[in-house]
Amino acid sequence: MKSIPDPKHYDIVPPDMNYRYFEALQAQPFERDNCAFSLVNASWLADCSLLAYCHPGFARMAYRLAGFEQFDFFQGTGTECMAAANQELLIISFRGTELKSFSALHELRSDLNILPVNFSQGGRVHAGFQKALDEIWDGELGLGRFIQQQIKDYPQRAIWMTGHSLGALWLTYVLLKRQRPPACICLVAREWVTMILCKAYNNGRYGG
């Protein structure tokens, strides 16, 4: 199992392109059908959540070295998402607030746009967050259409999602947009770190 870096000697602040992504995980394949909490899956998805902060070119190479040949990147003004896949598994990871980039200003503006607005699937949600997600969700090349096409083209491939901090929020909005409960969901929280791991789809539907 991959060890947790000691914060006294290695302070991980994203984006981190010195961190060794997926190290020691090659011998422990992702458990795509395991809906119970798994340290193996948590390790994989934690790395995916951290990698989501990096430049897409760097992330594409890291995923390729880990056996994920397909890579797609979705970017809005302040919202980013990566999707990496092999024949068995698609992992969609949402980036959290990028403190080292000017995009943090756009994210702050989204944070302050707190008026509730009608949500397409019912109820009311935070206006700024909905607008920010719609930047990458809508359109022919958006994440929404991408997920639909992936389910159609690869009906037997499991889809997992993950996100750290604000990225975890985007994940929950996506689940609401899809209108069905996930097969499993796990919240990981330790000190300032909050991350959601979620098996969203399997065999073209929710619920495994």
Protein backbone atom coordinates (compact mmCIF):
# COMPACT_ATOMS: atom_id res chain seq x y z
CA MET A 1 0.00 0.00 0.00
CA LYS A 2 1.19 3.48 -0.80
CA SER A 3 2.37 5.37 2.27
CA ILE A 4 1.02 8.80 3.22
CA PRO A 5 3.71 11.52 2.88
CA ASP A 6 4.88 13.01 6.15
CA PRO A 7 3.75 16.68 6.14
CA LYS A 8 6.75 17.58 8.29
CA HIS A 9 9.06 16.62 5.43
CA TYR A 10 6.84 16.96 2.36
CA ASP A 11 4.13 19.60 2.31
CA ILE A 12 1.80 18.77 -0.58
CA VAL A 13 0.28 21.95 -2.02
CA PRO A 14 -1.44 21.58 -5.38
CA PRO A 15 -0.51 21.73 -8.14
CA ASP A 16 2.40 19.43 -7.36
CA MET A 17 4.42 18.09 -10.28
CA ASN A 18 7.17 16.67 -8.06
CA TYR A 19 4.83 14.22 -6.37
CA ARG A 20 5.06 10.64 -7.69
CA TYR A 21 1.52 9.89 -8.82
CA PHE A 22 0.23 6.32 -8.59
CA GLU A 23 3.54 5.15 -7.15
CA ALA A 24 3.36 1.58 -5.81
CA LEU A 25 -0.23 1.26 -7.04
CA GLN A 26 0.60 -0.61 -10.24
CA ALA A 27 0.81 -3.82 -8.22
CA GLN A 28 -2.61 -3.07 -6.68
CA PRO A 29 -5.14 -2.60 -9.50
CA PHE A 30 -8.18 -0.42 -8.98
CA GLU A 31 -11.08 -2.45 -7.59
CA ARG A 32 -13.70 -1.23 -10.05
CA ASP A 33 -16.55 -3.37 -8.68
CA ASN A 34 -15.85 -2.90 -4.97
CA CYS A 35 -18.56 -0.73 -3.45
CA ALA A 36 -17.22 -1.06 0.10
CA PHE A 37 -14.58 1.34 1.35
CA SER A 38 -11.22 0.31 -0.06
CA LEU A 39 -7.82 1.74 0.83
CA VAL A 40 -6.62 0.72 -2.62
CA ASN A 41 -9.35 2.70 -4.37
CA ALA A 42 -8.97 5.60 -1.94
CA SER A 43 -5.26 5.77 -2.79
CA TRP A 44 -5.93 5.78 -6.53
CA LEU A 45 -8.65 8.41 -6.29
CA ALA A 46 -6.70 10.61 -3.90
CA ASP A 47 -3.93 10.77 -6.49
CA CYS A 48 -6.49 11.54 -9.20
CA SER A 49 -7.90 14.38 -7.09
CA LEU A 50 -4.44 15.87 -6.60
CA LEU A 51 -3.49 15.35 -10.23
CA ALA A 52 -6.57 17.34 -11.29
CA TYR A 53 -4.75 20.52 -10.20
CA CYS A 54 -1.86 19.95 -12.62
CA HIS A 55 -1.43 21.02 -16.23
CA PRO A 56 -3.44 18.68 -18.50
CA GLY A 57 -0.34 17.79 -20.51
CA PHE A 58 1.42 16.60 -17.36
CA ALA A 59 -1.71 14.78 -16.18
CA ARG A 60 -2.14 13.02 -19.52
CA MET A 61 1.37 11.58 -19.26
CA ALA A 62 0.91 10.52 -15.61
CA TYR A 63 -2.30 8.72 -16.49
CA ARG A 64 -0.74 7.06 -19.53
CA LEU A 65 2.09 5.71 -17.38
CA ALA A 66 -0.56 4.32 -15.02
CA GLY A 67 -2.31 2.49 -17.85
CA PHE A 68 -5.04 4.97 -18.78
CA GLU A 69 -4.78 5.51 -22.53
CA GLN A 70 -7.82 7.77 -22.97
CA PHE A 71 -7.65 11.30 -21.57
CA ASP A 72 -10.10 14.19 -21.87
CA PHE A 73 -9.95 17.63 -20.31
CA PHE A 74 -12.84 20.04 -19.63
CA GLN A 75 -12.14 23.66 -18.76
CA GLY A 76 -14.27 26.68 -17.97
CA THR A 77 -13.30 30.08 -16.63
CA GLY A 78 -12.59 28.67 -13.18
CA THR A 79 -13.79 25.07 -13.38
CA GLU A 80 -11.70 22.12 -14.54
CA CYS A 81 -12.27 18.41 -14.84
CA MET A 82 -10.21 15.48 -16.15
CA ALA A 83 -11.41 12.11 -17.41
CA ALA A 84 -9.01 9.19 -17.79
CA ALA A 85 -9.96 5.72 -18.96
CA ASN A 86 -8.81 2.26 -19.94
CA GLN A 87 -10.94 -0.64 -21.15
CA GLU A 88 -12.31 -1.43 -17.69
CA LEU A 89 -12.60 1.90 -15.93
CA LEU A 90 -13.26 5.62 -16.41
CA ILE A 91 -12.25 8.02 -13.63
CA ILE A 92 -13.57 11.59 -13.69
CA SER A 93 -11.79 13.96 -11.29
CA PHE A 94 -12.80 17.53 -10.47
CA ARG A 95 -10.27 20.16 -9.48
CA GLY A 96 -10.76 22.16 -6.31
CA THR A 97 -9.87 25.82 -5.74
CA GLU A 98 -6.57 26.68 -7.44
CA LEU A 99 -4.82 29.05 -5.04
CA LYS A 100 -1.74 29.46 -7.24
CA SER A 101 -3.64 30.64 -10.31
CA PHE A 102 -5.66 33.66 -11.43
CA SER A 103 -8.62 31.28 -11.73
CA ALA A 104 -8.94 31.63 -7.95
CA LEU A 105 -10.40 35.10 -8.61
CA HIS A 106 -13.13 33.60 -10.77
CA GLU A 107 -13.79 30.95 -8.15
CA LEU A 108 -14.09 33.62 -5.46
CA ARG A 109 -16.63 35.44 -7.61
CA SER A 110 -18.58 32.20 -7.92
CA ASP A 111 -18.41 31.73 -4.15
CA LEU A 112 -19.89 35.19 -3.56
CA ASN A 113 -22.75 34.69 -6.00
CA ILE A 114 -24.81 33.07 -3.27
CA LEU A 115 -28.37 33.79 -4.39
CA PRO A 116 -30.36 30.56 -4.79
CA VAL A 117 -31.64 29.79 -8.30
CA ASN A 118 -33.87 27.08 -9.70
CA PHE A 119 -32.10 23.81 -10.45
CA SER A 120 -32.93 21.90 -13.63
CA GLN A 121 -33.72 18.74 -11.67
CA GLY A 122 -35.83 20.48 -9.03
CA GLY A 123 -35.18 22.59 -5.97
CA ARG A 124 -32.84 25.58 -5.69
CA VAL A 125 -29.05 25.72 -5.59
CA HIS A 126 -26.19 28.19 -5.19
CA ALA A 127 -26.22 30.37 -8.33
CA GLY A 128 -22.46 30.80 -8.60
CA PHE A 129 -21.71 27.10 -8.27
CA GLN A 130 -24.34 26.11 -10.82
CA LYS A 131 -23.04 28.64 -13.34
CA ALA A 132 -19.45 27.48 -12.83
CA LEU A 133 -20.34 23.83 -13.43
CA ASP A 134 -22.44 24.67 -16.48
CA GLU A 135 -19.29 26.10 -18.09
CA ILE A 136 -17.97 22.57 -18.55
CA TRP A 137 -21.26 20.66 -18.55
CA ASP A 138 -23.23 22.17 -21.43
CA GLY A 139 -22.75 21.94 -25.17
CA GLU A 140 -21.77 19.30 -27.72
CA LEU A 141 -18.28 19.07 -26.25
CA GLY A 142 -19.39 19.40 -22.62
CA LEU A 143 -19.04 16.91 -19.78
CA GLY A 144 -22.74 16.05 -19.82
CA ARG A 145 -22.67 14.89 -23.44
CA PHE A 146 -19.32 13.19 -22.85
CA ILE A 147 -20.71 11.03 -20.03
CA GLN A 148 -23.73 10.04 -22.11
CA GLN A 149 -21.51 9.04 -25.02
CA GLN A 150 -19.15 7.05 -22.80
CA ILE A 151 -22.06 5.06 -21.37
CA LYS A 152 -23.30 4.37 -24.90
CA ASP A 153 -19.91 3.39 -26.32
CA TYR A 154 -18.65 1.41 -23.29
CA PRO A 155 -21.74 -0.01 -21.52
CA GLN A 156 -19.71 -2.48 -19.45
CA ARG A 157 -17.14 0.04 -18.20
CA ALA A 158 -17.48 1.34 -14.64
CA ILE A 159 -17.36 5.09 -14.09
CA TRP A 160 -15.94 6.48 -10.88
CA MET A 161 -15.77 10.13 -9.85
CA THR A 162 -13.68 11.96 -7.30
CA GLY A 163 -12.93 15.49 -6.21
CA HIS A 164 -11.13 17.35 -3.46
CA SER A 165 -12.60 20.39 -1.71
CA LEU A 166 -14.55 22.42 -4.29
CA GLY A 167 -14.05 19.51 -6.68
CA ALA A 168 -16.19 17.38 -4.37
CA LEU A 169 -18.96 19.95 -4.75
CA TRP A 170 -18.88 19.68 -8.56
CA LEU A 171 -19.17 15.92 -8.20
CA THR A 172 -22.35 16.19 -6.13
CA TYR A 173 -23.88 18.59 -8.66
CA VAL A 174 -23.15 16.10 -11.45
CA LEU A 175 -24.88 13.34 -9.51
CA LEU A 176 -27.92 15.59 -9.06
CA LYS A 177 -27.98 16.34 -12.78
CA ARG A 178 -27.99 12.63 -13.60
CA GLN A 179 -31.03 12.15 -11.31
CA ARG A 180 -30.06 8.73 -9.96
CA PRO A 181 -28.21 7.67 -6.81
CA PRO A 182 -24.63 6.40 -7.17
CA ALA A 183 -23.74 2.77 -6.59
CA CYS A 184 -21.61 3.87 -3.66
CA ILE A 185 -20.22 7.06 -2.24
CA CYS A 186 -17.61 7.73 0.42
CA LEU A 187 -16.59 10.99 2.08
CA VAL A 188 -12.97 11.15 3.19
CA ALA A 189 -12.15 13.94 5.63
CA ARG A 190 -8.98 14.51 7.63
CA GLU A 191 -8.09 17.90 9.06
CA TRP A 192 -8.39 20.35 6.11
CA VAL A 193 -8.74 17.62 3.49
CA THR A 194 -12.22 16.71 2.28
CA MET A 195 -12.62 14.36 -0.66
CA ILE A 196 -15.48 12.40 -2.15
CA LEU A 197 -14.99 9.02 -3.81
CA CYS A 198 -17.95 7.85 -5.81
CA LYS A 199 -18.81 4.95 -8.07
CA ALA A 200 -21.29 6.74 -10.25
CA TYR A 201 -22.09 4.31 -13.05
CA ASN A 202 -21.68 0.69 -13.92
CA ASN A 203 -22.99 -1.23 -16.93
CA GLY A 204 -24.60 1.93 -18.29
CA ARG A 205 -26.66 2.71 -15.20
CA TYR A 206 -26.42 3.70 -11.57
CA GLY A 207 -26.52 1.08 -8.89
CA GLY A 208 -24.01 -1.40 -10.27
